[in-house]
Amino acid sequence: MKEILKKIPKVDKILNDSCFSDLKAMYKNDILVKLIQTELDALRNGILEEKIKEVPYDLMKRIADVVEGKFKPFTAKVVNGTGIVLNTGLGRAPFSENAISNAESILHGYCSLETDLATGKRGRREDKISELISIITGAEAATVVNNNAAAVMICINTLAQKKEVIISRGELVEIGGSFRMPDIIKKSGAKMIEVGATNKTKASDFKEVITSKTGALLKVHTSNYKINGFVEEIEVKDLSALSKKHNIPFYYDLGGGIFEDLEKLGLPHEPTVFEAVKEAVDLFSFSGDKVLGGPQCGIIAGKKEFVEKVKKNPLMRVLRTDKIRLALLEETLKYFLTNDPIKSGHLTLKLLSEGRDSLRIKAESLKEQVKKVATKAWNVEIEEVLDQAGSGTLPTEKLKGLALSFRQKDISVSKLSDEMRTISNVPVFGYINEEKYYLSVRTIFERDFKDICDNLKEIISKHKIK
C-alpha cells in the first residue's frame, strides 16, 4: 500500500503538466491547488480503504477534467425530450417570447423597479405588478413573494401567528423537496388543527373545532395527487360561508395558478383563480411557474384588508422578488389580458394543449433531420406516447403525444441516454421504455433539432458507428 501511495504525484507536478495549461491561464492558482488537493485526498483515501488498487496511468488528465468540470455552467440550456411540460428538474414552465424580451431589456442597465415614472418618486416594487394582477383576476388587491411555499408561510403567519389553523386531513400535502404543509404551518408560528378523515371532510368538521383561538380556516388544493372512490371534499363556497359566519379569515392555497379554464383546452377542470375570487375567499395564493407560465414566485391575492396585512408583515422584506422575476411575471400576466393567450404567444398553454396533428408535423420534421445524421444501422421511428403536465398539475391525466424512438445494436439504450445528456454543452434529456430511447416532441422546439443531431453525431463518431 505504501508503494502505491508513493506513486501519487505532488500538487506542483500536476499543476505544471500541459493538461493544466489552459486552466492556469484562466483561473487563480490557489483555487486550482485546492481542487487538485481534494482529488488527491480522495485518491489516497481510496487506496487506504483498499477500494483503489493502483494510481491511474492518466491521473493528471483525469484531475484536469474534474477541475474543468467544476467551472462549467451548472444552470445550462438543455433540450427537454421527456414530454413533461412543467418539468421541475428542467426549470418548470418555459418562458414565452415577450417575457424573455422584457427581462432581457432590463439586464443591460437600470430599470424602474421602485420608481414611479410619472412622479419620479420611490414606491414599493410590488405595487405595479399588484395592480396588474388585480385587473386580470378581479381581486381587490395582490402582492408577490419569491415562491408559493413562501406565500403559504407569510399568509398563515399574518393571519394566525400564535393561533390555530384548521385544515382537512386530506389536504396535508407534501410539495417538492420533502416540504410538508404541517411543517410550513409550524414554522409560520401557528398551531395546526386537523379535521375530518383522509378521504372525507365536511363543513361540520370545521365548525366543531372553531374557538376563540382560531386564526384562520385553510384549504389546500391537492394538485399533485388525487383521492378517488369513497370521498367527500369541503367546497370552497362552504368554507367561505363558514368563515364569514364566524368572522374568521379563510385562506386558500391554490397551488398552481390557473387563469384559463383547462376544459376549453380539452383537459380536465382544475380550480381557477377566478373561482377563488367569485367565492369571496379572503386570501389565496398560487405559483407563478406552473400553468401560469412565468417565473418562480408566489402570487398572493384577495381582500384588500388581508393583502395589506401581508404587505406590512416584516417577512415581506425577506421573501420579496427581484427585478428579473418581476419583469418576466409582468409580460407573462399580460397574455391574460388578451382574448386568446395561446394565439398571443403563451407558450405553456400551447404546449399543454398541442394536439397530435401538430405534434406529428414536428415529429416528422425532426425524424427527417435525424435520418441525415443516423445511418441505416439506427432504428428511428415515430411512436404514440403519453406525455404529462408535470409539477403537480393534472397528476392523473396523460396527454396524447408523439415521440421519436431510437434503437442501435452497437450502443445500449442506457449508454445512449447518458451520452445524449453528457456528450456536449447542450444536454438532451429523453427517457427509456421497453429497451428504446425516446424523445417526446411536445417539449422539443425546432431550435432544439440541431442540438439533438449534433449530439448524435458526436456519439456516432465516438463509438465509430457505421
Foldseek 3Di string as FASTA:
>chain_A
DVVQLVPDDDLVVLCPDPLNVVVPVPDDPVVLSVLVVVVNVVVVVCVVVVVDDHQDPPNSNVSSVVVVVVPFDPLAAAFAQALAQQAVVNAGFDFWPQLVVLLVVCVVDHDCQQADPVVRDGHHRFQVVFVLVCVLQVFPTKGKFQAALLVLLLLLLLQAAQFEEEEEPLQQDQAPPRRTPCVSNVVSRHHYDYFDDNFEDELVRVVVPDDPRYREYEYEDQLQDDDDDPHYDYDPLSRLVVCVVVVHAYEYEQAAADSDQCVVLVDDGGDHSNVCVVSQHAKYKYFCRALLRFHHMIMMGGHPVSNVSSVPPPCCVVGHDDPSRVSRSVVSSVLSVDPHSVVVTRLLSCLQRPDAVVQVVQQVVLVVLQPVQDDPQKDKDKDWDWHHNDSSHPNPDTGTFIKIKIDGPLDFLVRVQVQCQPVDSHRYHFDDDPRITIRTSSSGDPVCSVSSSVSSNSVCVVSVPD
